[in-house]
C-alpha atoms as a PDB file:
ATOM      1  CA  MET A   1     -31.056  -4.028  68.394  1.00  0.00           C
ATOM      2  CA  LEU A   2     -31.134  -0.529  68.571  1.00  0.00           C
ATOM      3  CA  VAL A   3     -27.838  -0.355  70.699  1.00  0.00           C
ATOM      4  CA  LEU A   4     -26.199  -2.479  68.011  1.00  0.00           C
ATOM      5  CA  GLU A   5     -27.286  -0.015  65.178  1.00  0.00           C
ATOM      6  CA  LEU A   6     -25.882   2.865  67.352  1.00  0.00           C
ATOM      7  CA  VAL A   7     -22.653   1.337  67.750  1.00  0.00           C
ATOM      8  CA  LEU A   8     -22.248   0.473  64.066  1.00  0.00           C
ATOM      9  CA  VAL A   9     -23.148   4.181  63.168  1.00  0.00           C
ATOM     10  CA  LEU A  10     -20.372   5.163  65.778  1.00  0.00           C
ATOM     11  CA  VAL A  11     -17.873   3.137  64.212  1.00  0.00           C
ATOM     12  CA  LEU A  12     -18.655   4.194  60.650  1.00  0.00           C
ATOM     13  CA  VAL A  13     -18.567   7.865  61.797  1.00  0.00           C
ATOM     14  CA  VAL A  14     -15.234   7.375  63.511  1.00  0.00           C
ATOM     15  CA  GLY A  15     -13.573   5.529  60.508  1.00  0.00           C
ATOM     16  CA  LEU A  16     -14.897   8.561  58.545  1.00  0.00           C
ATOM     17  CA  ILE A  17     -13.071  10.934  60.634  1.00  0.00           C
ATOM     18  CA  GLU A  18      -9.888   9.008  60.681  1.00  0.00           C
ATOM     19  CA  VAL A  19     -10.003   9.039  56.833  1.00  0.00           C
ATOM     20  CA  VAL A  20     -10.471  12.715  56.744  1.00  0.00           C
ATOM     21  CA  VAL A  21      -7.593  13.244  59.358  1.00  0.00           C
ATOM     22  CA  VAL A  22      -5.366  11.073  57.090  1.00  0.00           C
ATOM     23  CA  VAL A  23      -6.148  12.988  54.230  1.00  0.00           C
ATOM     24  CA  LEU A  24      -5.513  16.258  55.803  1.00  0.00           C
ATOM     25  CA  VAL A  25      -2.230  15.090  57.076  1.00  0.00           C
ATOM     26  CA  LEU A  26      -1.176  13.917  53.675  1.00  0.00           C
END
């Protein structure tokens, strides 16, 4: 269960970083 939560948080962080990068590029 802990691993699943860790992966979920990692995906959220990566998605957030991608959004920030897209905003900076635009």
